[in-house]
Amino acid sequence: MLSALQALAHPPDYLLIDALVLPGLRIRQKGIVRGDRTVLSIACASIAAKVSRDHIMLELDADYPQYGFRSHKGYGTARHLDCLRTHGACQVHRLTFAPVRDLARLI
């Protein structure tokens, strides 16, 4: 999220964010728990992000077919967790995803 903000040509005056507040920003902001259910702009951003992510996961599936990204789109399904246990994490896995983080601790 910080990278996306830094890439903007014109910084926003105010941020509405689903569930959290970004520390260390000089931009005024408000984290709204379940904001995707109550704030139209957050709901729209959530949908756009999910569609974009799904497309990225389809592309990653071509490079990493052993992980089954096409079917689980990176969500913590039983198949995804099985793939992580079998193949370990690859360079596109997020270290903040608990199963990947836990796997890294075991190595």
N, C-alpha and C. Protein backbone atom coordinates (compact mmCIF):
# COMPACT_ATOMS: atom_id res chain seq x y z
N MET A 1 0.82 -1.19 0.00
CA MET A 1 0.00 0.00 0.00
C MET A 1 0.87 1.25 0.00
N LEU A 2 1.96 1.20 0.77
CA LEU A 2 2.87 2.35 0.80
C LEU A 2 3.50 2.58 -0.57
N SER A 3 3.87 1.51 -1.26
CA SER A 3 4.45 1.65 -2.60
C SER A 3 3.46 2.30 -3.55
N ALA A 4 2.20 1.90 -3.47
CA ALA A 4 1.18 2.48 -4.34
C ALA A 4 1.01 3.97 -4.05
N LEU A 5 1.02 4.34 -2.79
CA LEU A 5 0.90 5.76 -2.43
C LEU A 5 2.09 6.56 -2.94
N GLN A 6 3.28 6.00 -2.82
CA GLN A 6 4.48 6.70 -3.26
C GLN A 6 4.52 6.85 -4.78
N ALA A 7 3.84 5.97 -5.49
CA ALA A 7 3.85 6.02 -6.96
C ALA A 7 2.84 7.02 -7.51
N LEU A 8 1.96 7.54 -6.69
CA LEU A 8 0.95 8.49 -7.16
C LEU A 8 1.59 9.82 -7.55
N ALA A 9 1.15 10.37 -8.67
CA ALA A 9 1.66 11.67 -9.11
C ALA A 9 1.22 12.78 -8.15
N HIS A 10 0.03 12.66 -7.61
CA HIS A 10 -0.51 13.64 -6.66
C HIS A 10 -0.96 12.89 -5.42
N PRO A 11 -0.32 13.15 -4.28
CA PRO A 11 -0.72 12.43 -3.07
C PRO A 11 -2.13 12.81 -2.64
N PRO A 12 -2.85 11.87 -2.07
CA PRO A 12 -4.21 12.17 -1.61
C PRO A 12 -4.19 13.08 -0.39
N ASP A 13 -5.30 13.74 -0.18
CA ASP A 13 -5.45 14.59 1.01
C ASP A 13 -5.85 13.77 2.23
N TYR A 14 -6.51 12.63 1.96
CA TYR A 14 -7.07 11.84 3.06
C TYR A 14 -7.21 10.41 2.59
N LEU A 15 -6.97 9.46 3.48
CA LEU A 15 -7.12 8.05 3.16
C LEU A 15 -8.21 7.41 4.01
N LEU A 16 -9.05 6.64 3.37
CA LEU A 16 -9.98 5.75 4.05
C LEU A 16 -9.47 4.34 3.78
N ILE A 17 -9.15 3.60 4.81
CA ILE A 17 -8.53 2.29 4.66
C ILE A 17 -9.34 1.25 5.40
N ASP A 18 -9.49 0.10 4.78
CA ASP A 18 -10.22 -1.00 5.40
C ASP A 18 -9.41 -1.56 6.57
N ALA A 19 -9.91 -1.36 7.76
CA ALA A 19 -9.45 -2.02 8.99
C ALA A 19 -8.18 -1.48 9.63
N LEU A 20 -7.32 -0.79 8.92
CA LEU A 20 -6.06 -0.41 9.54
C LEU A 20 -5.66 1.02 9.22
N VAL A 21 -4.64 1.47 9.94
CA VAL A 21 -4.04 2.78 9.71
C VAL A 21 -2.58 2.53 9.40
N LEU A 22 -2.05 3.23 8.42
CA LEU A 22 -0.64 3.07 8.04
C LEU A 22 0.23 3.96 8.91
N PRO A 23 1.13 3.38 9.68
CA PRO A 23 1.97 4.19 10.56
C PRO A 23 3.00 5.00 9.78
N GLY A 24 3.34 6.15 10.33
CA GLY A 24 4.41 6.95 9.78
C GLY A 24 4.06 7.80 8.57
N LEU A 25 2.78 7.89 8.23
CA LEU A 25 2.38 8.72 7.09
C LEU A 25 2.00 10.11 7.56
N ARG A 26 2.28 11.09 6.71
CA ARG A 26 1.86 12.45 7.02
C ARG A 26 0.49 12.75 6.43
N ILE A 27 -0.07 11.80 5.72
CA ILE A 27 -1.40 11.96 5.13
C ILE A 27 -2.44 11.60 6.19
N ARG A 28 -3.43 12.46 6.33
CA ARG A 28 -4.50 12.14 7.28
C ARG A 28 -5.21 10.88 6.79
N GLN A 29 -5.65 10.06 7.73
CA GLN A 29 -6.25 8.79 7.36
C GLN A 29 -7.17 8.28 8.45
N LYS A 30 -8.02 7.36 8.03
CA LYS A 30 -8.92 6.70 8.97
C LYS A 30 -9.05 5.24 8.58
N GLY A 31 -8.77 4.35 9.52
CA GLY A 31 -8.99 2.93 9.32
C GLY A 31 -10.41 2.59 9.76
N ILE A 32 -11.14 1.92 8.91
CA ILE A 32 -12.54 1.59 9.20
C ILE A 32 -12.70 0.08 9.20
N VAL A 33 -12.98 -0.48 10.36
CA VAL A 33 -13.21 -1.92 10.46
C VAL A 33 -14.41 -2.28 9.60
N ARG A 34 -14.24 -3.29 8.78
CA ARG A 34 -15.25 -3.73 7.81
C ARG A 34 -15.64 -2.60 6.85
N GLY A 35 -14.65 -1.78 6.52
CA GLY A 35 -14.88 -0.66 5.62
C GLY A 35 -15.37 -1.09 4.26
N ASP A 36 -14.97 -2.30 3.84
CA ASP A 36 -15.43 -2.79 2.53
C ASP A 36 -16.92 -3.08 2.52
N ARG A 37 -17.53 -3.12 3.69
CA ARG A 37 -18.98 -3.35 3.80
C ARG A 37 -19.77 -2.07 4.01
N THR A 38 -19.07 -1.02 4.42
CA THR A 38 -19.81 0.19 4.82
C THR A 38 -19.44 1.44 4.04
N VAL A 39 -18.31 1.42 3.32
CA VAL A 39 -17.85 2.61 2.60
C VAL A 39 -17.71 2.23 1.12
N LEU A 40 -18.48 2.88 0.27
CA LEU A 40 -18.52 2.52 -1.14
C LEU A 40 -17.14 2.56 -1.80
N SER A 41 -16.35 3.59 -1.52
CA SER A 41 -15.04 3.70 -2.17
C SER A 41 -14.11 2.56 -1.74
N ILE A 42 -14.18 2.14 -0.48
CA ILE A 42 -13.37 1.02 -0.02
C ILE A 42 -13.86 -0.28 -0.67
N ALA A 43 -15.17 -0.45 -0.78
CA ALA A 43 -15.72 -1.64 -1.42
C ALA A 43 -15.28 -1.72 -2.88
N CYS A 44 -15.33 -0.61 -3.59
CA CYS A 44 -14.91 -0.59 -5.00
C CYS A 44 -13.41 -0.89 -5.12
N ALA A 45 -12.61 -0.32 -4.25
CA ALA A 45 -11.17 -0.57 -4.28
C ALA A 45 -10.88 -2.04 -3.98
N SER A 46 -11.64 -2.62 -3.08
CA SER A 46 -11.47 -4.03 -2.73
C SER A 46 -11.76 -4.93 -3.92
N ILE A 47 -12.81 -4.63 -4.65
CA ILE A 47 -13.17 -5.41 -5.84
C ILE A 47 -12.09 -5.27 -6.90
N ALA A 48 -11.66 -4.04 -7.15
CA ALA A 48 -10.62 -3.81 -8.16
C ALA A 48 -9.33 -4.54 -7.79
N ALA A 49 -8.96 -4.51 -6.52
CA ALA A 49 -7.75 -5.19 -6.07
C ALA A 49 -7.87 -6.70 -6.24
N LYS A 50 -9.03 -7.26 -5.91
CA LYS A 50 -9.21 -8.71 -6.04
C LYS A 50 -9.14 -9.15 -7.49
N VAL A 51 -9.80 -8.43 -8.38
CA VAL A 51 -9.76 -8.78 -9.81
C VAL A 51 -8.34 -8.69 -10.34
N SER A 52 -7.63 -7.63 -9.97
CA SER A 52 -6.24 -7.46 -10.40
C SER A 52 -5.37 -8.59 -9.86
N ARG A 53 -5.54 -8.91 -8.60
CA ARG A 53 -4.76 -9.98 -7.99
C ARG A 53 -5.05 -11.33 -8.65
N ASP A 54 -6.31 -11.61 -8.95
CA ASP A 54 -6.66 -12.87 -9.61
C ASP A 54 -5.95 -13.00 -10.95
N HIS A 55 -5.86 -11.91 -11.71
CA HIS A 55 -5.14 -11.93 -12.99
C HIS A 55 -3.65 -12.18 -12.78
N ILE A 56 -3.09 -11.56 -11.77
CA ILE A 56 -1.67 -11.77 -11.46
C ILE A 56 -1.43 -13.23 -11.08
N MET A 57 -2.35 -13.80 -10.30
CA MET A 57 -2.18 -15.19 -9.88
C MET A 57 -2.25 -16.14 -11.07
N LEU A 58 -3.08 -15.83 -12.06
CA LEU A 58 -3.14 -16.66 -13.27
C LEU A 58 -1.81 -16.61 -14.02
N GLU A 59 -1.21 -15.43 -14.08
CA GLU A 59 0.10 -15.30 -14.73
C GLU A 59 1.18 -16.05 -13.95
N LEU A 60 1.12 -15.97 -12.63
CA LEU A 60 2.11 -16.67 -11.81
C LEU A 60 1.95 -18.18 -11.92
N ASP A 61 0.73 -18.65 -12.17
CA ASP A 61 0.51 -20.08 -12.32
C ASP A 61 1.30 -20.64 -13.50
N ALA A 62 1.48 -19.84 -14.54
CA ALA A 62 2.26 -20.29 -15.70
C ALA A 62 3.74 -20.47 -15.33
N ASP A 63 4.24 -19.61 -14.43
CA ASP A 63 5.64 -19.69 -14.01
C ASP A 63 5.86 -20.71 -12.89
N TYR A 64 4.85 -20.93 -12.09
CA TYR A 64 4.96 -21.82 -10.92
C TYR A 64 3.78 -22.80 -10.88
N PRO A 65 3.65 -23.67 -11.87
CA PRO A 65 2.46 -24.53 -11.94
C PRO A 65 2.33 -25.50 -10.76
N GLN A 66 3.44 -25.82 -10.12
CA GLN A 66 3.39 -26.76 -9.00
C GLN A 66 2.63 -26.22 -7.79
N TYR A 67 2.37 -24.92 -7.75
CA TYR A 67 1.67 -24.33 -6.61
C TYR A 67 0.17 -24.21 -6.80
N GLY A 68 -0.33 -24.39 -8.00
CA GLY A 68 -1.77 -24.35 -8.23
C GLY A 68 -2.41 -22.98 -8.03
N PHE A 69 -1.66 -21.92 -8.31
CA PHE A 69 -2.20 -20.57 -8.12
C PHE A 69 -3.49 -20.34 -8.91
N ARG A 70 -3.63 -21.01 -10.05
CA ARG A 70 -4.82 -20.85 -10.88
C ARG A 70 -6.09 -21.24 -10.10
N SER A 71 -5.98 -22.24 -9.26
CA SER A 71 -7.18 -22.72 -8.56
C SER A 71 -7.45 -22.01 -7.24
N HIS A 72 -6.42 -21.68 -6.48
CA HIS A 72 -6.67 -21.08 -5.15
C HIS A 72 -6.36 -19.59 -5.07
N LYS A 73 -5.75 -19.03 -6.12
CA LYS A 73 -5.46 -17.59 -6.20
C LYS A 73 -4.67 -17.05 -5.01
N GLY A 74 -3.93 -17.94 -4.35
CA GLY A 74 -3.10 -17.51 -3.23
C GLY A 74 -3.79 -17.53 -1.88
N TYR A 75 -5.05 -17.89 -1.84
CA TYR A 75 -5.74 -17.98 -0.55
C TYR A 75 -5.28 -19.23 0.19
N GLY A 76 -5.42 -19.24 1.48
CA GLY A 76 -4.92 -20.33 2.32
C GLY A 76 -5.80 -21.57 2.29
N THR A 77 -6.04 -22.10 1.12
CA THR A 77 -6.85 -23.32 1.00
C THR A 77 -6.02 -24.53 1.38
N ALA A 78 -6.68 -25.65 1.57
CA ALA A 78 -5.98 -26.89 1.90
C ALA A 78 -4.97 -27.23 0.80
N ARG A 79 -5.35 -27.03 -0.47
CA ARG A 79 -4.43 -27.33 -1.57
C ARG A 79 -3.21 -26.42 -1.53
N HIS A 80 -3.42 -25.16 -1.29
CA HIS A 80 -2.30 -24.23 -1.22
C HIS A 80 -1.34 -24.64 -0.09
N LEU A 81 -1.89 -24.95 1.06
CA LEU A 81 -1.05 -25.34 2.19
C LEU A 81 -0.30 -26.63 1.89
N ASP A 82 -0.95 -27.58 1.21
CA ASP A 82 -0.27 -28.82 0.80
C ASP A 82 0.89 -28.51 -0.14
N CYS A 83 0.66 -27.61 -1.08
CA CYS A 83 1.72 -27.23 -2.03
C CYS A 83 2.89 -26.58 -1.31
N LEU A 84 2.60 -25.75 -0.31
CA LEU A 84 3.67 -25.12 0.46
C LEU A 84 4.48 -26.17 1.21
N ARG A 85 3.79 -27.14 1.81
CA ARG A 85 4.49 -28.19 2.55
C ARG A 85 5.34 -29.05 1.60
N THR A 86 4.82 -29.31 0.41
CA THR A 86 5.52 -30.17 -0.55
C THR A 86 6.69 -29.46 -1.21
N HIS A 87 6.48 -28.22 -1.65
CA HIS A 87 7.48 -27.52 -2.47
C HIS A 87 8.21 -26.41 -1.73
N GLY A 88 7.75 -26.06 -0.53
CA GLY A 88 8.32 -24.91 0.15
C GLY A 88 7.81 -23.63 -0.51
N ALA A 89 8.23 -22.51 0.01
CA ALA A 89 7.80 -21.22 -0.54
C ALA A 89 8.68 -20.86 -1.74
N CYS A 90 8.10 -20.14 -2.67
CA CYS A 90 8.88 -19.64 -3.80
C CYS A 90 9.05 -18.12 -3.63
N GLN A 91 9.74 -17.51 -4.56
CA GLN A 91 10.07 -16.09 -4.41
C GLN A 91 8.86 -15.15 -4.44
N VAL A 92 7.71 -15.62 -4.92
CA VAL A 92 6.55 -14.74 -4.97
C VAL A 92 5.64 -14.88 -3.75
N HIS A 93 5.94 -15.84 -2.87
CA HIS A 93 5.13 -15.97 -1.67
C HIS A 93 5.42 -14.82 -0.71
N ARG A 94 4.36 -14.34 -0.07
CA ARG A 94 4.49 -13.24 0.90
C ARG A 94 4.95 -13.79 2.25
N LEU A 95 5.98 -13.21 2.80
CA LEU A 95 6.45 -13.63 4.11
C LEU A 95 5.47 -13.28 5.22
N THR A 96 4.52 -12.38 4.94
CA THR A 96 3.52 -12.02 5.94
C THR A 96 2.36 -13.02 5.98
N PHE A 97 2.29 -13.93 5.00
CA PHE A 97 1.26 -14.99 4.99
C PHE A 97 1.70 -16.03 6.02
N ALA A 98 0.91 -16.22 7.06
CA ALA A 98 1.33 -17.03 8.22
C ALA A 98 1.90 -18.40 7.84
N PRO A 99 1.28 -19.17 6.94
CA PRO A 99 1.89 -20.47 6.61
C PRO A 99 3.29 -20.36 6.00
N VAL A 100 3.53 -19.31 5.22
CA VAL A 100 4.87 -19.10 4.65
C VAL A 100 5.82 -18.68 5.75
N ARG A 101 5.40 -17.77 6.60
CA ARG A 101 6.23 -17.32 7.72
C ARG A 101 6.59 -18.49 8.63
N ASP A 102 5.59 -19.33 8.93
CA ASP A 102 5.83 -20.48 9.80
C ASP A 102 6.77 -21.49 9.14
N LEU A 103 6.62 -21.67 7.83
CA LEU A 103 7.49 -22.57 7.08
C LEU A 103 8.93 -22.06 7.12
N ALA A 104 9.11 -20.75 6.98
CA ALA A 104 10.45 -20.15 6.99
C ALA A 104 11.12 -20.36 8.35
N ARG A 105 10.34 -20.38 9.42
CA ARG A 105 10.89 -20.59 10.76
C ARG A 105 11.44 -22.00 10.92
N LEU A 106 10.87 -22.94 10.18
CA LEU A 106 11.29 -24.33 10.30
C LEU A 106 12.59 -24.61 9.55
N ILE A 107 12.95 -23.71 8.63
CA ILE A 107 14.14 -23.94 7.80
C ILE A 107 15.38 -23.42 8.48
